Amino acid sequence: MGGSSGFEKVYVHLIDGSSAWVPLKARWIRDDLYAITDEKDFSPDDQTVLLEFIPGDVVRVGERIIGRSGEKVENAALELASSANPNRLYYDFLYKVVAEKIKPGGENAGLYTAAIRQVRQDIQLGKFHYPAVIAFIEALGK
């Protein structure tokens, strides 16, 4: 890890109606830490493409088995170390709801109060959200 140019590809989970792993450009920081810099698969206004980790995130990478084929990838993003993205919790909320990593009323739901408020506003404005996100919000009630 840590190429001579300082940049490498880091594989990040993406949901866009299906599930895939995409290589994103990331800047090597040190050891197993990389800052995601690639914005080609990320648009802050497009909730149809949800990335587990987004530009501005610093992630720990390592080996991970991805896909149904059982392919082994060495530079897979494993966990968030920090983020410079001010809307990180909003995108984290969307990703985790669609990936079924959080449930309404779950122990982490309080962490996403501002994100839930934003999604409610989005829905009122007619902005697209995955059915799982809408169902999550509806399950919370008012």
C-alpha atoms as a PDB file:
ATOM      1  CA  MET A   1       0.000   0.000   0.000  1.00  0.00           C
ATOM      2  CA  GLY A   2       1.005   3.591  -0.414  1.00  0.00           C
ATOM      3  CA  GLY A   3       2.132   3.950  -4.015  1.00  0.00           C
ATOM      4  CA  SER A   4       4.926   6.297  -5.032  1.00  0.00           C
ATOM      5  CA  SER A   5       2.418   8.795  -6.457  1.00  0.00           C
ATOM      6  CA  GLY A   6       0.515   8.836  -3.176  1.00  0.00           C
ATOM      7  CA  PHE A   7      -2.704   7.860  -4.981  1.00  0.00           C
ATOM      8  CA  GLU A   8      -4.245   4.436  -5.335  1.00  0.00           C
ATOM      9  CA  LYS A   9      -7.594   2.860  -6.002  1.00  0.00           C
ATOM     10  CA  VAL A  10      -9.691   1.992  -2.970  1.00  0.00           C
ATOM     11  CA  TYR A  11     -12.749  -0.222  -3.448  1.00  0.00           C
ATOM     12  CA  VAL A  12     -15.963   1.190  -1.974  1.00  0.00           C
ATOM     13  CA  HIS A  13     -19.419  -0.388  -1.769  1.00  0.00           C
ATOM     14  CA  LEU A  14     -21.980   1.360  -3.981  1.00  0.00           C
ATOM     15  CA  ILE A  15     -25.758   0.958  -4.144  1.00  0.00           C
ATOM     16  CA  ASP A  16     -27.451   2.216  -7.301  1.00  0.00           C
ATOM     17  CA  GLY A  17     -30.459  -0.057  -7.524  1.00  0.00           C
ATOM     18  CA  SER A  18     -28.039  -2.964  -7.361  1.00  0.00           C
ATOM     19  CA  SER A  19     -24.972  -3.556  -5.250  1.00  0.00           C
ATOM     20  CA  ALA A  20     -21.422  -3.201  -6.576  1.00  0.00           C
ATOM     21  CA  TRP A  21     -17.879  -2.381  -5.534  1.00  0.00           C
ATOM     22  CA  VAL A  22     -16.253   0.507  -7.365  1.00  0.00           C
ATOM     23  CA  PRO A  23     -12.623   1.603  -7.395  1.00  0.00           C
ATOM     24  CA  LEU A  24     -12.256   5.220  -6.291  1.00  0.00           C
ATOM     25  CA  LYS A  25      -9.144   7.351  -6.383  1.00  0.00           C
ATOM     26  CA  ALA A  26      -7.765   7.897  -2.889  1.00  0.00           C
ATOM     27  CA  ARG A  27      -4.708   9.632  -1.477  1.00  0.00           C
ATOM     28  CA  TRP A  28      -2.505   7.520   0.751  1.00  0.00           C
ATOM     29  CA  ILE A  29      -1.960   9.160   4.144  1.00  0.00           C
ATOM     30  CA  ARG A  30      -0.026   6.557   6.133  1.00  0.00           C
ATOM     31  CA  ASP A  31      -0.204   2.893   7.061  1.00  0.00           C
ATOM     32  CA  ASP A  32      -3.694   1.706   6.060  1.00  0.00           C
ATOM     33  CA  LEU A  33      -5.313   5.182   5.932  1.00  0.00           C
ATOM     34  CA  TYR A  34      -6.507   6.739   2.686  1.00  0.00           C
ATOM     35  CA  ALA A  35      -8.465   9.919   1.933  1.00  0.00           C
ATOM     36  CA  ILE A  36     -11.112   9.399  -0.757  1.00  0.00           C
ATOM     37  CA  THR A  37     -10.704  12.109  -3.378  1.00  0.00           C
ATOM     38  CA  ASP A  38     -12.581  10.646  -6.359  1.00  0.00           C
ATOM     39  CA  GLU A  39     -15.939  12.281  -7.034  1.00  0.00           C
ATOM     40  CA  LYS A  40     -16.875  10.492 -10.282  1.00  0.00           C
ATOM     41  CA  ASP A  41     -19.455   8.232  -8.609  1.00  0.00           C
ATOM     42  CA  PHE A  42     -20.706  10.836  -6.125  1.00  0.00           C
ATOM     43  CA  SER A  43     -23.131  13.690  -6.599  1.00  0.00           C
ATOM     44  CA  PRO A  44     -24.529  15.372  -3.491  1.00  0.00           C
ATOM     45  CA  ASP A  45     -27.858  15.882  -5.279  1.00  0.00           C
ATOM     46  CA  ASP A  46     -28.308  12.286  -6.485  1.00  0.00           C
ATOM     47  CA  GLN A  47     -29.787   9.915  -3.916  1.00  0.00           C
ATOM     48  CA  THR A  48     -29.947   7.091  -6.487  1.00  0.00           C
ATOM     49  CA  VAL A  49     -26.231   6.404  -6.043  1.00  0.00           C
ATOM     50  CA  LEU A  50     -25.223   5.713  -2.450  1.00  0.00           C
ATOM     51  CA  LEU A  51     -21.600   5.141  -1.511  1.00  0.00           C
ATOM     52  CA  GLU A  52     -20.600   3.620   1.810  1.00  0.00           C
ATOM     53  CA  PHE A  53     -17.707   6.093   1.930  1.00  0.00           C
ATOM     54  CA  ILE A  54     -17.708   9.474   0.195  1.00  0.00           C
ATOM     55  CA  PRO A  55     -15.199  12.106  -0.955  1.00  0.00           C
ATOM     56  CA  GLY A  56     -13.648  13.733   2.095  1.00  0.00           C
ATOM     57  CA  ASP A  57     -13.706  10.509   4.125  1.00  0.00           C
ATOM     58  CA  VAL A  58     -10.527   9.024   5.536  1.00  0.00           C
ATOM     59  CA  VAL A  59     -10.882   5.247   5.586  1.00  0.00           C
ATOM     60  CA  ARG A  60      -8.949   2.258   6.792  1.00  0.00           C
ATOM     61  CA  VAL A  61      -8.374  -0.238   4.024  1.00  0.00           C
ATOM     62  CA  GLY A  62      -7.578  -3.896   4.035  1.00  0.00           C
ATOM     63  CA  GLU A  63      -8.425  -7.202   2.495  1.00  0.00           C
ATOM     64  CA  ARG A  64     -12.078  -7.983   1.908  1.00  0.00           C
ATOM     65  CA  ILE A  65     -14.012 -10.630   0.025  1.00  0.00           C
ATOM     66  CA  ILE A  66     -16.399  -8.816  -2.315  1.00  0.00           C
ATOM     67  CA  GLY A  67     -19.171  -9.848  -4.633  1.00  0.00           C
ATOM     68  CA  ARG A  68     -20.832 -13.178  -5.128  1.00  0.00           C
ATOM     69  CA  SER A  69     -17.743 -14.582  -6.828  1.00  0.00           C
ATOM     70  CA  GLY A  70     -15.771 -14.347  -3.600  1.00  0.00           C
ATOM     71  CA  GLU A  71     -13.140 -12.109  -5.194  1.00  0.00           C
ATOM     72  CA  LYS A  72     -10.450 -11.007  -2.747  1.00  0.00           C
ATOM     73  CA  VAL A  73      -9.569  -7.306  -2.903  1.00  0.00           C
ATOM     74  CA  GLU A  74      -6.658  -5.886  -0.925  1.00  0.00           C
ATOM     75  CA  ASN A  75      -7.588  -2.194  -1.011  1.00  0.00           C
ATOM     76  CA  ALA A  76     -11.188  -2.380   0.148  1.00  0.00           C
ATOM     77  CA  ALA A  77     -12.494   0.395   2.388  1.00  0.00           C
ATOM     78  CA  LEU A  78     -13.257  -1.250   5.730  1.00  0.00           C
ATOM     79  CA  GLU A  79     -14.120   1.535   8.155  1.00  0.00           C
ATOM     80  CA  LEU A  80     -14.364   5.284   8.533  1.00  0.00           C
ATOM     81  CA  ALA A  81     -11.513   6.915  10.432  1.00  0.00           C
ATOM     82  CA  SER A  82     -12.698  10.517   9.984  1.00  0.00           C
ATOM     83  CA  SER A  83     -14.467  12.757   7.513  1.00  0.00           C
ATOM     84  CA  ALA A  84     -14.107  16.304   6.224  1.00  0.00           C
ATOM     85  CA  ASN A  85     -17.541  16.176   4.570  1.00  0.00           C
ATOM     86  CA  PRO A  86     -20.000  18.342   6.559  1.00  0.00           C
ATOM     87  CA  ASN A  87     -22.950  16.230   5.365  1.00  0.00           C
ATOM     88  CA  ARG A  88     -21.372  12.898   6.293  1.00  0.00           C
ATOM     89  CA  LEU A  89     -24.144  11.777   8.653  1.00  0.00           C
ATOM     90  CA  TYR A  90     -26.828  12.462   6.014  1.00  0.00           C
ATOM     91  CA  TYR A  91     -25.136  10.246   3.413  1.00  0.00           C
ATOM     92  CA  ASP A  92     -24.245   7.654   6.056  1.00  0.00           C
ATOM     93  CA  PHE A  93     -27.904   7.507   7.092  1.00  0.00           C
ATOM     94  CA  LEU A  94     -29.117   6.984   3.507  1.00  0.00           C
ATOM     95  CA  TYR A  95     -26.545   4.271   2.824  1.00  0.00           C
ATOM     96  CA  LYS A  96     -27.153   2.407   6.077  1.00  0.00           C
ATOM     97  CA  VAL A  97     -30.946   2.430   5.705  1.00  0.00           C
ATOM     98  CA  VAL A  98     -30.828   1.059   2.153  1.00  0.00           C
ATOM     99  CA  ALA A  99     -28.105  -1.461   3.083  1.00  0.00           C
ATOM    100  CA  GLU A 100     -30.304  -2.516   6.049  1.00  0.00           C
ATOM    101  CA  LYS A 101     -27.614  -1.699   8.612  1.00  0.00           C
ATOM    102  CA  ILE A 102     -29.965   0.344  10.818  1.00  0.00           C
ATOM    103  CA  LYS A 103     -33.636  -0.037  11.710  1.00  0.00           C
ATOM    104  CA  PRO A 104     -36.246   2.479  12.916  1.00  0.00           C
ATOM    105  CA  GLY A 105     -36.039   2.824  16.679  1.00  0.00           C
ATOM    106  CA  GLY A 106     -32.643   1.099  16.733  1.00  0.00           C
ATOM    107  CA  GLU A 107     -29.891   2.151  19.103  1.00  0.00           C
ATOM    108  CA  ASN A 108     -28.198   4.362  16.485  1.00  0.00           C
ATOM    109  CA  ALA A 109     -31.334   6.177  15.285  1.00  0.00           C
ATOM    110  CA  GLY A 110     -30.701   9.156  17.615  1.00  0.00           C
ATOM    111  CA  LEU A 111     -27.391   9.819  15.899  1.00  0.00           C
ATOM    112  CA  TYR A 112     -29.248  10.653  12.682  1.00  0.00           C
ATOM    113  CA  THR A 113     -31.812  13.197  13.950  1.00  0.00           C
ATOM    114  CA  ALA A 114     -30.645  15.952  11.575  1.00  0.00           C
ATOM    115  CA  ALA A 115     -30.435  13.513   8.645  1.00  0.00           C
ATOM    116  CA  ILE A 116     -33.974  12.292   9.334  1.00  0.00           C
ATOM    117  CA  ARG A 117     -35.201  15.882   9.408  1.00  0.00           C
ATOM    118  CA  GLN A 118     -33.462  16.545   6.065  1.00  0.00           C
ATOM    119  CA  VAL A 119     -34.967  13.422   4.457  1.00  0.00           C
ATOM    120  CA  ARG A 120     -38.432  14.462   5.635  1.00  0.00           C
ATOM    121  CA  GLN A 121     -37.905  17.837   3.940  1.00  0.00           C
ATOM    122  CA  ASP A 122     -36.609  16.110   0.804  1.00  0.00           C
ATOM    123  CA  ILE A 123     -39.698  13.908   0.643  1.00  0.00           C
ATOM    124  CA  GLN A 124     -42.000  16.917   1.033  1.00  0.00           C
ATOM    125  CA  LEU A 125     -40.153  18.584  -1.856  1.00  0.00           C
ATOM    126  CA  GLY A 126     -40.621  15.482  -4.014  1.00  0.00           C
ATOM    127  CA  LYS A 127     -36.945  14.521  -4.072  1.00  0.00           C
ATOM    128  CA  PHE A 128     -36.219  10.867  -4.887  1.00  0.00           C
ATOM    129  CA  HIS A 129     -35.357   8.477  -2.083  1.00  0.00           C
ATOM    130  CA  TYR A 130     -35.230   4.709  -2.133  1.00  0.00           C
ATOM    131  CA  PRO A 131     -38.416   3.002  -0.878  1.00  0.00           C
ATOM    132  CA  ALA A 132     -36.443   1.676   2.109  1.00  0.00           C
ATOM    133  CA  VAL A 133     -35.650   5.246   3.188  1.00  0.00           C
ATOM    134  CA  ILE A 134     -39.276   6.342   2.828  1.00  0.00           C
ATOM    135  CA  ALA A 135     -40.448   3.261   4.759  1.00  0.00           C
ATOM    136  CA  PHE A 136     -37.900   3.997   7.500  1.00  0.00           C
ATOM    137  CA  ILE A 137     -39.155   7.582   7.860  1.00  0.00           C
ATOM    138  CA  GLU A 138     -42.790   6.426   7.846  1.00  0.00           C
ATOM    139  CA  ALA A 139     -42.021   3.844  10.538  1.00  0.00           C
ATOM    140  CA  LEU A 140     -40.703   6.638  12.753  1.00  0.00           C
ATOM    141  CA  GLY A 141     -43.989   8.503  12.498  1.00  0.00           C
ATOM    142  CA  LYS A 142     -44.080  12.242  13.076  1.00  0.00           C
END
